[in-house]
Amino acid sequence: GSAYAASAVNLDSEPRTITVTEGGSKQEIALGAGETVQFCANGCFVTMPNGDREALTGGETIEISGGVGRIK
């Protein structure tokens, strides 16, 4: 369920976009300044705003600051 979803929080003062690839489908998720979104309930790959790519299992939190995503 969504209780195990990963989340991303945009700590920047401008919008940021992450790209999520889950089950063969790719989607871009735009995060406004200060916004938090949940995604990736069953594992996925995420491409951060600066181009770094990470594998997530669900449950992680990505903090975006200075245009760079870090997994917490």
N, C-alpha and C. Protein backbone atom coordinates (compact mmCIF):
# COMPACT_ATOMS: atom_id res chain seq x y z
N GLY A 1 0.81 -1.20 0.00
CA GLY A 1 0.00 0.00 0.00
C GLY A 1 0.84 1.24 0.00
N SER A 2 0.19 2.38 0.03
CA SER A 2 0.90 3.65 -0.05
C SER A 2 1.69 3.94 1.23
N ALA A 3 1.45 3.20 2.29
CA ALA A 3 2.21 3.42 3.52
C ALA A 3 3.68 3.14 3.30
N TYR A 4 4.01 2.35 2.29
CA TYR A 4 5.40 2.02 2.02
C TYR A 4 5.95 2.79 0.83
N ALA A 5 5.24 3.79 0.37
CA ALA A 5 5.68 4.55 -0.79
C ALA A 5 6.88 5.41 -0.43
N ALA A 6 7.71 5.66 -1.43
CA ALA A 6 8.78 6.63 -1.27
C ALA A 6 8.16 8.02 -1.36
N SER A 7 8.88 9.00 -0.84
CA SER A 7 8.38 10.37 -0.95
C SER A 7 9.54 11.28 -1.34
N ALA A 8 9.19 12.41 -1.91
CA ALA A 8 10.18 13.42 -2.28
C ALA A 8 9.68 14.75 -1.76
N VAL A 9 10.59 15.51 -1.16
CA VAL A 9 10.25 16.84 -0.67
C VAL A 9 11.20 17.85 -1.33
N ASN A 10 10.62 18.91 -1.85
CA ASN A 10 11.40 19.96 -2.50
C ASN A 10 11.67 21.07 -1.49
N LEU A 11 12.91 21.17 -1.03
CA LEU A 11 13.29 22.19 -0.06
C LEU A 11 13.70 23.49 -0.74
N ASP A 12 13.76 23.49 -2.07
CA ASP A 12 14.16 24.68 -2.81
C ASP A 12 13.01 25.67 -2.94
N SER A 13 13.34 26.89 -3.33
CA SER A 13 12.32 27.93 -3.50
C SER A 13 11.81 27.99 -4.93
N GLU A 14 12.23 27.04 -5.77
CA GLU A 14 11.73 26.97 -7.15
C GLU A 14 11.33 25.54 -7.46
N PRO A 15 10.46 25.36 -8.46
CA PRO A 15 10.00 24.00 -8.78
C PRO A 15 11.15 23.10 -9.25
N ARG A 16 11.04 21.82 -8.94
CA ARG A 16 12.00 20.80 -9.38
C ARG A 16 11.22 19.63 -9.95
N THR A 17 11.84 18.89 -10.87
CA THR A 17 11.19 17.74 -11.48
C THR A 17 12.06 16.51 -11.28
N ILE A 18 11.41 15.41 -10.89
CA ILE A 18 12.09 14.12 -10.85
C ILE A 18 11.42 13.22 -11.88
N THR A 19 12.17 12.24 -12.38
CA THR A 19 11.63 11.27 -13.33
C THR A 19 11.61 9.92 -12.65
N VAL A 20 10.45 9.30 -12.65
CA VAL A 20 10.26 8.02 -11.98
C VAL A 20 9.98 6.95 -13.03
N THR A 21 10.74 5.85 -12.99
CA THR A 21 10.51 4.71 -13.86
C THR A 21 10.08 3.54 -12.99
N GLU A 22 8.84 3.10 -13.19
CA GLU A 22 8.27 2.05 -12.35
C GLU A 22 7.53 1.07 -13.25
N GLY A 23 7.92 -0.19 -13.19
CA GLY A 23 7.24 -1.21 -13.98
C GLY A 23 7.28 -0.95 -15.48
N GLY A 24 8.36 -0.36 -15.97
CA GLY A 24 8.50 -0.13 -17.39
C GLY A 24 7.87 1.16 -17.88
N SER A 25 7.15 1.87 -17.02
CA SER A 25 6.56 3.14 -17.44
C SER A 25 7.30 4.29 -16.75
N LYS A 26 7.47 5.37 -17.49
CA LYS A 26 8.22 6.51 -17.00
C LYS A 26 7.29 7.70 -16.87
N GLN A 27 7.42 8.42 -15.76
CA GLN A 27 6.63 9.63 -15.59
C GLN A 27 7.47 10.70 -14.92
N GLU A 28 7.21 11.94 -15.27
CA GLU A 28 7.86 13.06 -14.62
C GLU A 28 6.94 13.59 -13.54
N ILE A 29 7.52 13.87 -12.38
CA ILE A 29 6.75 14.42 -11.27
C ILE A 29 7.33 15.79 -10.95
N ALA A 30 6.51 16.81 -11.08
CA ALA A 30 6.94 18.17 -10.77
C ALA A 30 6.59 18.48 -9.32
N LEU A 31 7.56 19.01 -8.60
CA LEU A 31 7.36 19.41 -7.22
C LEU A 31 7.52 20.91 -7.12
N GLY A 32 6.48 21.57 -6.65
CA GLY A 32 6.58 23.00 -6.41
C GLY A 32 7.45 23.26 -5.19
N ALA A 33 7.80 24.52 -4.98
CA ALA A 33 8.61 24.89 -3.82
C ALA A 33 7.93 24.43 -2.54
N GLY A 34 8.66 23.68 -1.72
CA GLY A 34 8.13 23.22 -0.44
C GLY A 34 7.16 22.05 -0.52
N GLU A 35 6.91 21.54 -1.72
CA GLU A 35 5.92 20.46 -1.89
C GLU A 35 6.52 19.09 -1.59
N THR A 36 5.66 18.19 -1.10
CA THR A 36 6.04 16.79 -0.88
C THR A 36 5.08 15.91 -1.66
N VAL A 37 5.63 14.91 -2.36
CA VAL A 37 4.79 13.96 -3.08
C VAL A 37 5.20 12.54 -2.70
N GLN A 38 4.24 11.61 -2.80
CA GLN A 38 4.51 10.20 -2.59
C GLN A 38 4.39 9.48 -3.92
N PHE A 39 5.24 8.48 -4.11
CA PHE A 39 5.27 7.72 -5.36
C PHE A 39 5.96 6.40 -5.07
N CYS A 40 6.02 5.53 -6.06
CA CYS A 40 6.89 4.35 -5.99
C CYS A 40 6.54 3.40 -4.84
N ALA A 41 5.35 2.83 -4.86
CA ALA A 41 4.95 1.93 -3.79
C ALA A 41 5.65 0.58 -3.87
N ASN A 42 6.08 0.17 -5.07
CA ASN A 42 6.61 -1.18 -5.25
C ASN A 42 8.02 -1.22 -5.82
N GLY A 43 8.79 -0.18 -5.57
CA GLY A 43 10.14 -0.14 -6.10
C GLY A 43 10.19 0.53 -7.46
N CYS A 44 11.22 1.33 -7.68
CA CYS A 44 11.33 2.07 -8.94
C CYS A 44 12.74 2.64 -9.05
N PHE A 45 13.00 3.24 -10.19
CA PHE A 45 14.21 4.04 -10.37
C PHE A 45 13.77 5.49 -10.42
N VAL A 46 14.56 6.36 -9.83
CA VAL A 46 14.24 7.79 -9.87
C VAL A 46 15.46 8.55 -10.37
N THR A 47 15.23 9.49 -11.28
CA THR A 47 16.28 10.37 -11.76
C THR A 47 16.07 11.73 -11.10
N MET A 48 17.10 12.16 -10.37
CA MET A 48 17.03 13.41 -9.61
C MET A 48 17.14 14.61 -10.57
N PRO A 49 16.83 15.82 -10.06
CA PRO A 49 16.92 17.01 -10.92
C PRO A 49 18.31 17.23 -11.51
N ASN A 50 19.37 16.77 -10.82
CA ASN A 50 20.73 16.97 -11.32
C ASN A 50 21.21 15.81 -12.19
N GLY A 51 20.33 14.81 -12.45
CA GLY A 51 20.68 13.70 -13.33
C GLY A 51 21.11 12.43 -12.63
N ASP A 52 21.34 12.48 -11.32
CA ASP A 52 21.70 11.26 -10.59
C ASP A 52 20.53 10.29 -10.63
N ARG A 53 20.84 8.99 -10.75
CA ARG A 53 19.79 7.97 -10.82
C ARG A 53 19.96 7.02 -9.64
N GLU A 54 18.86 6.72 -8.97
CA GLU A 54 18.89 5.84 -7.80
C GLU A 54 17.77 4.81 -7.90
N ALA A 55 18.01 3.64 -7.35
CA ALA A 55 16.98 2.61 -7.24
C ALA A 55 16.34 2.74 -5.86
N LEU A 56 15.01 2.74 -5.83
CA LEU A 56 14.28 2.83 -4.57
C LEU A 56 13.45 1.57 -4.38
N THR A 57 13.27 1.18 -3.14
CA THR A 57 12.42 0.04 -2.83
C THR A 57 11.06 0.48 -2.33
N GLY A 58 10.91 1.76 -2.04
CA GLY A 58 9.70 2.29 -1.41
C GLY A 58 9.99 2.49 0.06
N GLY A 59 9.60 3.62 0.59
CA GLY A 59 9.87 3.92 2.00
C GLY A 59 10.95 4.97 2.18
N GLU A 60 11.76 5.21 1.15
CA GLU A 60 12.78 6.24 1.26
C GLU A 60 12.16 7.63 1.14
N THR A 61 12.89 8.61 1.62
CA THR A 61 12.52 10.01 1.42
C THR A 61 13.66 10.69 0.69
N ILE A 62 13.33 11.37 -0.39
CA ILE A 62 14.31 12.14 -1.14
C ILE A 62 14.13 13.60 -0.77
N GLU A 63 15.22 14.23 -0.35
CA GLU A 63 15.20 15.66 -0.08
C GLU A 63 15.91 16.36 -1.22
N ILE A 64 15.22 17.30 -1.86
CA ILE A 64 15.82 18.05 -2.95
C ILE A 64 16.20 19.43 -2.42
N SER A 65 17.50 19.73 -2.50
CA SER A 65 18.00 21.01 -2.03
C SER A 65 19.11 21.45 -2.96
N GLY A 66 19.05 22.67 -3.44
CA GLY A 66 20.03 23.16 -4.38
C GLY A 66 20.00 22.42 -5.70
N GLY A 67 18.83 21.84 -6.03
CA GLY A 67 18.69 21.10 -7.28
C GLY A 67 19.25 19.69 -7.24
N VAL A 68 19.70 19.26 -6.06
CA VAL A 68 20.29 17.93 -5.89
C VAL A 68 19.41 17.11 -4.95
N GLY A 69 19.09 15.87 -5.36
CA GLY A 69 18.31 14.99 -4.52
C GLY A 69 19.20 14.10 -3.69
N ARG A 70 18.86 13.98 -2.41
CA ARG A 70 19.59 13.10 -1.49
C ARG A 70 18.60 12.19 -0.80
N ILE A 71 18.95 10.91 -0.71
CA ILE A 71 18.07 9.94 -0.06
C ILE A 71 18.32 9.95 1.43
N LYS A 72 17.24 10.07 2.19
CA LYS A 72 17.34 10.10 3.66
C LYS A 72 16.78 8.83 4.25
